[in-house]
Amino acid sequence: MTHIIAIALCIAGFASLCAAMVRHQPDFVGRKLDAETSRLLRHAGFSLLLAALAVDMIGLGAGYGAVAWCAHLTLGAGLVLFRLNRTIARQPVKAKPARKG
């Protein structure tokens, strides 16, 4: 159960960090967010990742928990990146303007 909770926290943390990035907001959230919301999402993302570390270390011990946290971070980041890439891939390709000259 410790692994499931830690992975869920990592996914939520990386999703918050992705949503906080101005570059990814149109694709991930659907619109641009204001600076205050981005700041809050950034803090929430880091807090969720630290909570995952705490869950891992309490549930699995300090040594194994730290190693498991690295694996959970990798899995969480990969799943958020996969979702972002799928969202971008499903969007229609924008036509580039013709070059003058």
PDB file of N, CA and C in Angstrom:
ATOM      1  N   MET A   1       0.806  -1.185   0.000  1.00  0.00           N
ATOM      2  CA  MET A   1       0.000   0.000   0.000  1.00  0.00           C
ATOM      3  C   MET A   1       0.860   1.265   0.000  1.00  0.00           C
ATOM      4  N   THR A   2       2.027   1.160   0.617  1.00  0.00           N
ATOM      5  CA  THR A   2       2.943   2.297   0.651  1.00  0.00           C
ATOM      6  C   THR A   2       3.330   2.729  -0.752  1.00  0.00           C
ATOM      7  N   HIS A   3       3.596   1.769  -1.632  1.00  0.00           N
ATOM      8  CA  HIS A   3       4.001   2.092  -3.000  1.00  0.00           C
ATOM      9  C   HIS A   3       2.885   2.810  -3.744  1.00  0.00           C
ATOM     10  N   ILE A   4       1.663   2.355  -3.590  1.00  0.00           N
ATOM     11  CA  ILE A   4       0.538   2.964  -4.301  1.00  0.00           C
ATOM     12  C   ILE A   4       0.334   4.407  -3.849  1.00  0.00           C
ATOM     13  N   ILE A   5       0.391   4.642  -2.553  1.00  0.00           N
ATOM     14  CA  ILE A   5       0.210   6.002  -2.031  1.00  0.00           C
ATOM     15  C   ILE A   5       1.338   6.906  -2.512  1.00  0.00           C
ATOM     16  N   ALA A   6       2.574   6.419  -2.453  1.00  0.00           N
ATOM     17  CA  ALA A   6       3.721   7.233  -2.869  1.00  0.00           C
ATOM     18  C   ALA A   6       3.668   7.536  -4.364  1.00  0.00           C
ATOM     19  N   ILE A   7       3.279   6.569  -5.172  1.00  0.00           N
ATOM     20  CA  ILE A   7       3.175   6.806  -6.612  1.00  0.00           C
ATOM     21  C   ILE A   7       2.075   7.815  -6.901  1.00  0.00           C
ATOM     22  N   ALA A   8       0.940   7.699  -6.218  1.00  0.00           N
ATOM     23  CA  ALA A   8      -0.151   8.659  -6.412  1.00  0.00           C
ATOM     24  C   ALA A   8       0.288  10.072  -6.030  1.00  0.00           C
ATOM     25  N   LEU A   9       1.034  10.202  -4.941  1.00  0.00           N
ATOM     26  CA  LEU A   9       1.542  11.510  -4.531  1.00  0.00           C
ATOM     27  C   LEU A   9       2.533  12.064  -5.555  1.00  0.00           C
ATOM     28  N   CYS A  10       3.381  11.204  -6.104  1.00  0.00           N
ATOM     29  CA  CYS A  10       4.350  11.645  -7.122  1.00  0.00           C
ATOM     30  C   CYS A  10       3.642  12.099  -8.393  1.00  0.00           C
ATOM     31  N   ILE A  11       2.630  11.362  -8.814  1.00  0.00           N
ATOM     32  CA  ILE A  11       1.876  11.760 -10.010  1.00  0.00           C
ATOM     33  C   ILE A  11       1.213  13.114  -9.774  1.00  0.00           C
ATOM     34  N   ALA A  12       0.569  13.270  -8.617  1.00  0.00           N
ATOM     35  CA  ALA A  12      -0.079  14.550  -8.303  1.00  0.00           C
ATOM     36  C   ALA A  12       0.942  15.677  -8.205  1.00  0.00           C
ATOM     37  N   GLY A  13       2.106  15.392  -7.638  1.00  0.00           N
ATOM     38  CA  GLY A  13       3.152  16.404  -7.523  1.00  0.00           C
ATOM     39  C   GLY A  13       3.678  16.854  -8.871  1.00  0.00           C
ATOM     40  N   PHE A  14       3.974  15.903  -9.732  1.00  0.00           N
ATOM     41  CA  PHE A  14       4.488  16.271 -11.054  1.00  0.00           C
ATOM     42  C   PHE A  14       3.403  16.905 -11.917  1.00  0.00           C
ATOM     43  N   ALA A  15       2.152  16.503 -11.748  1.00  0.00           N
ATOM     44  CA  ALA A  15       1.061  17.148 -12.471  1.00  0.00           C
ATOM     45  C   ALA A  15       0.931  18.608 -12.030  1.00  0.00           C
ATOM     46  N   SER A  16       1.086  18.863 -10.750  1.00  0.00           N
ATOM     47  CA  SER A  16       1.036  20.236 -10.244  1.00  0.00           C
ATOM     48  C   SER A  16       2.204  21.063 -10.792  1.00  0.00           C
ATOM     49  N   LEU A  17       3.382  20.482 -10.808  1.00  0.00           N
ATOM     50  CA  LEU A  17       4.542  21.199 -11.343  1.00  0.00           C
ATOM     51  C   LEU A  17       4.391  21.459 -12.839  1.00  0.00           C
ATOM     52  N   CYS A  18       3.839  20.508 -13.560  1.00  0.00           N
ATOM     53  CA  CYS A  18       3.616  20.696 -14.997  1.00  0.00           C
ATOM     54  C   CYS A  18       2.586  21.791 -15.240  1.00  0.00           C
ATOM     55  N   ALA A  19       1.513  21.784 -14.450  1.00  0.00           N
ATOM     56  CA  ALA A  19       0.475  22.808 -14.595  1.00  0.00           C
ATOM     57  C   ALA A  19       0.990  24.187 -14.201  1.00  0.00           C
ATOM     58  N   ALA A  20       2.007  24.254 -13.365  1.00  0.00           N
ATOM     59  CA  ALA A  20       2.574  25.535 -12.941  1.00  0.00           C
ATOM     60  C   ALA A  20       3.448  26.166 -14.020  1.00  0.00           C
ATOM     61  N   MET A  21       3.897  25.381 -14.983  1.00  0.00           N
ATOM     62  CA  MET A  21       4.783  25.901 -16.027  1.00  0.00           C
ATOM     63  C   MET A  21       3.970  26.601 -17.118  1.00  0.00           C
ATOM     64  N   VAL A  22       4.305  27.861 -17.381  1.00  0.00           N
ATOM     65  CA  VAL A  22       3.574  28.657 -18.370  1.00  0.00           C
ATOM     66  C   VAL A  22       3.594  27.972 -19.728  1.00  0.00           C
ATOM     67  N   ARG A  23       4.689  27.343 -20.054  1.00  0.00           N
ATOM     68  CA  ARG A  23       4.833  26.689 -21.361  1.00  0.00           C
ATOM     69  C   ARG A  23       3.826  25.567 -21.564  1.00  0.00           C
ATOM     70  N   HIS A  24       3.507  24.821 -20.502  1.00  0.00           N
ATOM     71  CA  HIS A  24       2.636  23.662 -20.622  1.00  0.00           C
ATOM     72  C   HIS A  24       1.184  23.935 -20.259  1.00  0.00           C
ATOM     73  N   GLN A  25       0.884  25.102 -19.732  1.00  0.00           N
ATOM     74  CA  GLN A  25      -0.473  25.378 -19.281  1.00  0.00           C
ATOM     75  C   GLN A  25      -1.531  25.253 -20.370  1.00  0.00           C
ATOM     76  N   PRO A  26      -1.327  25.782 -21.577  1.00  0.00           N
ATOM     77  CA  PRO A  26      -2.381  25.630 -22.591  1.00  0.00           C
ATOM     78  C   PRO A  26      -2.672  24.159 -22.927  1.00  0.00           C
ATOM     79  N   ASP A  27      -1.655  23.332 -22.931  1.00  0.00           N
ATOM     80  CA  ASP A  27      -1.841  21.919 -23.266  1.00  0.00           C
ATOM     81  C   ASP A  27      -2.328  21.102 -22.077  1.00  0.00           C
ATOM     82  N   PHE A  28      -1.825  21.387 -20.906  1.00  0.00           N
ATOM     83  CA  PHE A  28      -2.111  20.558 -19.728  1.00  0.00           C
ATOM     84  C   PHE A  28      -3.375  21.003 -19.001  1.00  0.00           C
ATOM     85  N   VAL A  29      -3.578  22.321 -18.912  1.00  0.00           N
ATOM     86  CA  VAL A  29      -4.722  22.859 -18.183  1.00  0.00           C
ATOM     87  C   VAL A  29      -5.808  23.345 -19.137  1.00  0.00           C
ATOM     88  N   GLY A  30      -5.405  23.769 -20.321  1.00  0.00           N
ATOM     89  CA  GLY A  30      -6.367  24.272 -21.295  1.00  0.00           C
ATOM     90  C   GLY A  30      -6.408  25.781 -21.391  1.00  0.00           C
ATOM     91  N   ARG A  31      -5.681  26.458 -20.527  1.00  0.00           N
ATOM     92  CA  ARG A  31      -5.633  27.917 -20.555  1.00  0.00           C
ATOM     93  C   ARG A  31      -4.412  28.378 -19.761  1.00  0.00           C
ATOM     94  N   LYS A  32      -4.095  29.671 -19.911  1.00  0.00           N
ATOM     95  CA  LYS A  32      -3.015  30.270 -19.126  1.00  0.00           C
ATOM     96  C   LYS A  32      -3.532  30.582 -17.724  1.00  0.00           C
ATOM     97  N   LEU A  33      -2.725  30.321 -16.727  1.00  0.00           N
ATOM     98  CA  LEU A  33      -3.071  30.614 -15.344  1.00  0.00           C
ATOM     99  C   LEU A  33      -2.344  31.870 -14.885  1.00  0.00           C
ATOM    100  N   ASP A  34      -2.902  32.540 -13.891  1.00  0.00           N
ATOM    101  CA  ASP A  34      -2.236  33.738 -13.394  1.00  0.00           C
ATOM    102  C   ASP A  34      -1.004  33.344 -12.567  1.00  0.00           C
ATOM    103  N   ALA A  35      -0.176  34.329 -12.271  1.00  0.00           N
ATOM    104  CA  ALA A  35       1.097  34.073 -11.590  1.00  0.00           C
ATOM    105  C   ALA A  35       0.892  33.499 -10.195  1.00  0.00           C
ATOM    106  N   GLU A  36      -0.126  33.957  -9.485  1.00  0.00           N
ATOM    107  CA  GLU A  36      -0.375  33.473  -8.128  1.00  0.00           C
ATOM    108  C   GLU A  36      -0.775  31.998  -8.135  1.00  0.00           C
ATOM    109  N   THR A  37      -1.617  31.609  -9.065  1.00  0.00           N
ATOM    110  CA  THR A  37      -2.030  30.208  -9.172  1.00  0.00           C
ATOM    111  C   THR A  37      -0.843  29.325  -9.539  1.00  0.00           C
ATOM    112  N   SER A  38       0.002  29.804 -10.441  1.00  0.00           N
ATOM    113  CA  SER A  38       1.198  29.050 -10.811  1.00  0.00           C
ATOM    114  C   SER A  38       2.123  28.867  -9.613  1.00  0.00           C
ATOM    115  N   ARG A  39       2.271  29.911  -8.818  1.00  0.00           N
ATOM    116  CA  ARG A  39       3.123  29.826  -7.627  1.00  0.00           C
ATOM    117  C   ARG A  39       2.562  28.813  -6.637  1.00  0.00           C
ATOM    118  N   LEU A  40       1.258  28.844  -6.423  1.00  0.00           N
ATOM    119  CA  LEU A  40       0.634  27.890  -5.507  1.00  0.00           C
ATOM    120  C   LEU A  40       0.762  26.449  -6.015  1.00  0.00           C
ATOM    121  N   LEU A  41       0.612  26.258  -7.314  1.00  0.00           N
ATOM    122  CA  LEU A  41       0.778  24.922  -7.894  1.00  0.00           C
ATOM    123  C   LEU A  41       2.214  24.428  -7.734  1.00  0.00           C
ATOM    124  N   ARG A  42       3.172  25.336  -7.904  1.00  0.00           N
ATOM    125  CA  ARG A  42       4.577  24.965  -7.741  1.00  0.00           C
ATOM    126  C   ARG A  42       4.869  24.515  -6.307  1.00  0.00           C
ATOM    127  N   HIS A  43       4.360  25.268  -5.342  1.00  0.00           N
ATOM    128  CA  HIS A  43       4.552  24.892  -3.927  1.00  0.00           C
ATOM    129  C   HIS A  43       3.827  23.584  -3.608  1.00  0.00           C
ATOM    130  N   ALA A  44       2.634  23.423  -4.148  1.00  0.00           N
ATOM    131  CA  ALA A  44       1.888  22.177  -3.917  1.00  0.00           C
ATOM    132  C   ALA A  44       2.631  20.990  -4.509  1.00  0.00           C
ATOM    133  N   GLY A  45       3.209  21.162  -5.698  1.00  0.00           N
ATOM    134  CA  GLY A  45       3.947  20.078  -6.341  1.00  0.00           C
ATOM    135  C   GLY A  45       5.137  19.623  -5.514  1.00  0.00           C
ATOM    136  N   PHE A  46       5.936  20.580  -5.035  1.00  0.00           N
ATOM    137  CA  PHE A  46       7.087  20.217  -4.209  1.00  0.00           C
ATOM    138  C   PHE A  46       6.651  19.588  -2.898  1.00  0.00           C
ATOM    139  N   SER A  47       5.569  20.098  -2.320  1.00  0.00           N
ATOM    140  CA  SER A  47       5.059  19.528  -1.067  1.00  0.00           C
ATOM    141  C   SER A  47       4.582  18.094  -1.258  1.00  0.00           C
ATOM    142  N   LEU A  48       3.914  17.822  -2.375  1.00  0.00           N
ATOM    143  CA  LEU A  48       3.452  16.462  -2.658  1.00  0.00           C
ATOM    144  C   LEU A  48       4.614  15.502  -2.861  1.00  0.00           C
ATOM    145  N   LEU A  49       5.669  15.966  -3.525  1.00  0.00           N
ATOM    146  CA  LEU A  49       6.837  15.104  -3.724  1.00  0.00           C
ATOM    147  C   LEU A  49       7.541  14.826  -2.392  1.00  0.00           C
ATOM    148  N   LEU A  50       7.609  15.820  -1.522  1.00  0.00           N
ATOM    149  CA  LEU A  50       8.191  15.597  -0.196  1.00  0.00           C
ATOM    150  C   LEU A  50       7.303  14.686   0.652  1.00  0.00           C
ATOM    151  N   ALA A  51       5.984  14.794   0.482  1.00  0.00           N
ATOM    152  CA  ALA A  51       5.072  13.900   1.198  1.00  0.00           C
ATOM    153  C   ALA A  51       5.281  12.458   0.741  1.00  0.00           C
ATOM    154  N   ALA A  52       5.542  12.278  -0.551  1.00  0.00           N
ATOM    155  CA  ALA A  52       5.829  10.933  -1.056  1.00  0.00           C
ATOM    156  C   ALA A  52       7.104  10.383  -0.434  1.00  0.00           C
ATOM    157  N   LEU A  53       8.108  11.235  -0.267  1.00  0.00           N
ATOM    158  CA  LEU A  53       9.341  10.808   0.392  1.00  0.00           C
ATOM    159  C   LEU A  53       9.056  10.392   1.831  1.00  0.00           C
ATOM    160  N   ALA A  54       8.250  11.178   2.531  1.00  0.00           N
ATOM    161  CA  ALA A  54       7.917  10.845   3.919  1.00  0.00           C
ATOM    162  C   ALA A  54       7.164   9.525   4.002  1.00  0.00           C
ATOM    163  N   VAL A  55       6.213   9.303   3.093  1.00  0.00           N
ATOM    164  CA  VAL A  55       5.454   8.045   3.077  1.00  0.00           C
ATOM    165  C   VAL A  55       6.391   6.873   2.835  1.00  0.00           C
ATOM    166  N   ASP A  56       7.291   7.024   1.877  1.00  0.00           N
ATOM    167  CA  ASP A  56       8.244   5.943   1.575  1.00  0.00           C
ATOM    168  C   ASP A  56       9.156   5.649   2.760  1.00  0.00           C
ATOM    169  N   MET A  57       9.688   6.697   3.384  1.00  0.00           N
ATOM    170  CA  MET A  57      10.637   6.477   4.477  1.00  0.00           C
ATOM    171  C   MET A  57       9.955   5.935   5.732  1.00  0.00           C
ATOM    172  N   ILE A  58       8.737   6.351   5.982  1.00  0.00           N
ATOM    173  CA  ILE A  58       8.013   5.825   7.145  1.00  0.00           C
ATOM    174  C   ILE A  58       7.577   4.383   6.891  1.00  0.00           C
ATOM    175  N   GLY A  59       7.092   4.132   5.698  1.00  0.00           N
ATOM    176  CA  GLY A  59       6.568   2.803   5.397  1.00  0.00           C
ATOM    177  C   GLY A  59       7.625   1.753   5.092  1.00  0.00           C
ATOM    178  N   LEU A  60       8.760   2.180   4.544  1.00  0.00           N
ATOM    179  CA  LEU A  60       9.761   1.215   4.078  1.00  0.00           C
ATOM    180  C   LEU A  60      11.107   1.336   4.797  1.00  0.00           C
ATOM    181  N   GLY A  61      11.254   2.310   5.666  1.00  0.00           N
ATOM    182  CA  GLY A  61      12.542   2.540   6.303  1.00  0.00           C
ATOM    183  C   GLY A  61      13.326   3.588   5.533  1.00  0.00           C
ATOM    184  N   ALA A  62      14.289   4.187   6.179  1.00  0.00           N
ATOM    185  CA  ALA A  62      15.013   5.311   5.584  1.00  0.00           C
ATOM    186  C   ALA A  62      15.789   4.917   4.325  1.00  0.00           C
ATOM    187  N   GLY A  63      16.557   3.853   4.393  1.00  0.00           N
ATOM    188  CA  GLY A  63      17.406   3.463   3.258  1.00  0.00           C
ATOM    189  C   GLY A  63      16.606   2.995   2.063  1.00  0.00           C
ATOM    190  N   TYR A  64      15.766   1.992   2.269  1.00  0.00           N
ATOM    191  CA  TYR A  64      14.967   1.461   1.173  1.00  0.00           C
ATOM    192  C   TYR A  64      13.921   2.478   0.723  1.00  0.00           C
ATOM    193  N   GLY A  65      13.407   3.285   1.649  1.00  0.00           N
ATOM    194  CA  GLY A  65      12.416   4.303   1.304  1.00  0.00           C
ATOM    195  C   GLY A  65      12.972   5.345   0.357  1.00  0.00           C
ATOM    196  N   ALA A  66      14.233   5.755   0.578  1.00  0.00           N
ATOM    197  CA  ALA A  66      14.849   6.746  -0.309  1.00  0.00           C
ATOM    198  C   ALA A  66      15.051   6.181  -1.711  1.00  0.00           C
ATOM    199  N   VAL A  67      15.434   4.918  -1.798  1.00  0.00           N
ATOM    200  CA  VAL A  67      15.629   4.282  -3.101  1.00  0.00           C
ATOM    201  C   VAL A  67      14.284   4.095  -3.806  1.00  0.00           C
ATOM    202  N   ALA A  68      13.285   3.658  -3.047  1.00  0.00           N
ATOM    203  CA  ALA A  68      11.953   3.474  -3.624  1.00  0.00           C
ATOM    204  C   ALA A  68      11.376   4.812  -4.083  1.00  0.00           C
ATOM    205  N   TRP A  69      11.670   5.888  -3.342  1.00  0.00           N
ATOM    206  CA  TRP A  69      11.190   7.217  -3.719  1.00  0.00           C
ATOM    207  C   TRP A  69      11.723   7.621  -5.088  1.00  0.00           C
ATOM    208  N   CYS A  70      12.990   7.311  -5.355  1.00  0.00           N
ATOM    209  CA  CYS A  70      13.569   7.616  -6.671  1.00  0.00           C
ATOM    210  C   CYS A  70      12.816   6.874  -7.781  1.00  0.00           C
ATOM    211  N   ALA A  71      12.473   5.628  -7.522  1.00  0.00           N
ATOM    212  CA  ALA A  71      11.707   4.860  -8.505  1.00  0.00           C
ATOM    213  C   ALA A  71      10.299   5.442  -8.667  1.00  0.00           C
ATOM    214  N   HIS A  72       9.694   5.840  -7.571  1.00  0.00           N
ATOM    215  CA  HIS A  72       8.351   6.422  -7.638  1.00  0.00           C
ATOM    216  C   HIS A  72       8.372   7.764  -8.350  1.00  0.00           C
ATOM    217  N   LEU A  73       9.416   8.552  -8.131  1.00  0.00           N
ATOM    218  CA  LEU A  73       9.569   9.812  -8.856  1.00  0.00           C
ATOM    219  C   LEU A  73       9.653   9.575 -10.358  1.00  0.00           C
ATOM    220  N   THR A  74      10.438   8.583 -10.735  1.00  0.00           N
ATOM    221  CA  THR A  74      10.605   8.265 -12.152  1.00  0.00           C
ATOM    222  C   THR A  74       9.277   7.847 -12.775  1.00  0.00           C
ATOM    223  N   LEU A  75       8.564   6.980 -12.101  1.00  0.00           N
ATOM    224  CA  LEU A  75       7.277   6.518 -12.612  1.00  0.00           C
ATOM    225  C   LEU A  75       6.270   7.662 -12.683  1.00  0.00           C
ATOM    226  N   GLY A  76       6.199   8.484 -11.653  1.00  0.00           N
ATOM    227  CA  GLY A  76       5.270   9.613 -11.650  1.00  0.00           C
ATOM    228  C   GLY A  76       5.564  10.608 -12.753  1.00  0.00           C
ATOM    229  N   ALA A  77       6.828  10.956 -12.916  1.00  0.00           N
ATOM    230  CA  ALA A  77       7.208  11.892 -13.975  1.00  0.00           C
ATOM    231  C   ALA A  77       6.926  11.303 -15.346  1.00  0.00           C
ATOM    232  N   GLY A  78       7.211  10.028 -15.524  1.00  0.00           N
ATOM    233  CA  GLY A  78       6.956   9.382 -16.813  1.00  0.00           C
ATOM    234  C   GLY A  78       5.489   9.367 -17.176  1.00  0.00           C
ATOM    235  N   LEU A  79       4.628   9.098 -16.211  1.00  0.00           N
ATOM    236  CA  LEU A  79       3.193   9.068 -16.494  1.00  0.00           C
ATOM    237  C   LEU A  79       2.646  10.456 -16.820  1.00  0.00           C
ATOM    238  N   VAL A  80       3.103  11.474 -16.114  1.00  0.00           N
ATOM    239  CA  VAL A  80       2.663  12.838 -16.415  1.00  0.00           C
ATOM    240  C   VAL A  80       3.179  13.264 -17.787  1.00  0.00           C
ATOM    241  N   LEU A  81       4.419  12.931 -18.095  1.00  0.00           N
ATOM    242  CA  LEU A  81       4.981  13.256 -19.408  1.00  0.00           C
ATOM    243  C   LEU A  81       4.240  12.524 -20.525  1.00  0.00           C
ATOM    244  N   PHE A  82       3.884  11.269 -20.286  1.00  0.00           N
ATOM    245  CA  PHE A  82       3.123  10.502 -21.269  1.00  0.00           C
ATOM    246  C   PHE A  82       1.783  11.175 -21.545  1.00  0.00           C
ATOM    247  N   ARG A  83       1.094  11.608 -20.489  1.00  0.00           N
ATOM    248  CA  ARG A  83      -0.193  12.265 -20.668  1.00  0.00           C
ATOM    249  C   ARG A  83      -0.039  13.582 -21.424  1.00  0.00           C
ATOM    250  N   LEU A  84       0.995  14.354 -21.118  1.00  0.00           N
ATOM    251  CA  LEU A  84       1.233  15.616 -21.806  1.00  0.00           C
ATOM    252  C   LEU A  84       1.534  15.378 -23.282  1.00  0.00           C
ATOM    253  N   ASN A  85       2.364  14.391 -23.580  1.00  0.00           N
ATOM    254  CA  ASN A  85       2.683  14.089 -24.973  1.00  0.00           C
ATOM    255  C   ASN A  85       1.459  13.617 -25.751  1.00  0.00           C
ATOM    256  N   ARG A  86       0.606  12.807 -25.121  1.00  0.00           N
ATOM    257  CA  ARG A  86      -0.621  12.346 -25.785  1.00  0.00           C
ATOM    258  C   ARG A  86      -1.556  13.517 -26.083  1.00  0.00           C
ATOM    259  N   THR A  87      -1.634  14.460 -25.148  1.00  0.00           N
ATOM    260  CA  THR A  87      -2.480  15.633 -25.351  1.00  0.00           C
ATOM    261  C   THR A  87      -1.963  16.469 -26.510  1.00  0.00           C
ATOM    262  N   ILE A  88      -0.669  16.681 -26.573  1.00  0.00           N
ATOM    263  CA  ILE A  88      -0.079  17.472 -27.650  1.00  0.00           C
ATOM    264  C   ILE A  88      -0.224  16.748 -28.986  1.00  0.00           C
ATOM    265  N   ALA A  89      -0.052  15.435 -28.996  1.00  0.00           N
ATOM    266  CA  ALA A  89      -0.136  14.675 -30.239  1.00  0.00           C
ATOM    267  C   ALA A  89      -1.541  14.689 -30.830  1.00  0.00           C
ATOM    268  N   ARG A  90      -2.555  14.824 -30.009  1.00  0.00           N
ATOM    269  CA  ARG A  90      -3.937  14.821 -30.497  1.00  0.00           C
ATOM    270  C   ARG A  90      -4.395  16.174 -31.028  1.00  0.00           C
ATOM    271  N   GLN A  91      -3.600  17.205 -30.836  1.00  0.00           N
ATOM    272  CA  GLN A  91      -3.974  18.530 -31.315  1.00  0.00           C
ATOM    273  C   GLN A  91      -3.686  18.645 -32.808  1.00  0.00           C
ATOM    274  N   PRO A  92      -4.518  19.384 -33.529  1.00  0.00           N
ATOM    275  CA  PRO A  92      -4.244  19.573 -34.957  1.00  0.00           C
ATOM    276  C   PRO A  92      -2.971  20.378 -35.156  1.00  0.00           C
ATOM    277  N   VAL A  93      -2.278  20.089 -36.223  1.00  0.00           N
ATOM    278  CA  VAL A  93      -1.025  20.783 -36.539  1.00  0.00           C
ATOM    279  C   VAL A  93      -1.368  22.168 -37.065  1.00  0.00           C
ATOM    280  N   LYS A  94      -0.711  23.180 -36.511  1.00  0.00           N
ATOM    281  CA  LYS A  94      -0.930  24.542 -36.948  1.00  0.00           C
ATOM    282  C   LYS A  94      -0.104  24.810 -38.198  1.00  0.00           C
ATOM    283  N   ALA A  95      -0.742  25.445 -39.175  1.00  0.00           N
ATOM    284  CA  ALA A  95      -0.040  25.772 -40.418  1.00  0.00           C
ATOM    285  C   ALA A  95       0.911  26.924 -40.175  1.00  0.00           C
ATOM    286  N   LYS A  96       2.111  26.812 -40.713  1.00  0.00           N
ATOM    287  CA  LYS A  96       3.079  27.897 -40.590  1.00  0.00           C
ATOM    288  C   LYS A  96       2.769  28.945 -41.643  1.00  0.00           C
ATOM    289  N   PRO A  97       2.946  30.225 -41.292  1.00  0.00           N
ATOM    290  CA  PRO A  97       2.712  31.278 -42.295  1.00  0.00           C
ATOM    291  C   PRO A  97       3.743  31.214 -43.410  1.00  0.00           C
ATOM    292  N   ALA A  98       3.316  31.574 -44.602  1.00  0.00           N
ATOM    293  CA  ALA A  98       4.223  31.547 -45.769  1.00  0.00           C
ATOM    294  C   ALA A  98       5.309  32.581 -45.584  1.00  0.00           C
ATOM    295  N   ARG A  99       6.505  32.244 -46.029  1.00  0.00           N
ATOM    296  CA  ARG A  99       7.642  33.142 -45.928  1.00  0.00           C
ATOM    297  C   ARG A  99       7.603  34.143 -47.066  1.00  0.00           C
ATOM    298  N   LYS A 100       7.919  35.361 -46.738  1.00  0.00           N
ATOM    299  CA  LYS A 100       7.973  36.419 -47.765  1.00  0.00           C
ATOM    300  C   LYS A 100       9.384  36.472 -48.346  1.00  0.00           C
ATOM    301  N   GLY A 101       9.420  36.743 -49.596  1.00  0.00           N
ATOM    302  CA  GLY A 101      10.752  36.957 -50.129  1.00  0.00           C
ATOM    303  C   GLY A 101      11.023  36.137 -51.268  1.00  0.00           C
TER     304      GLY A 101
END
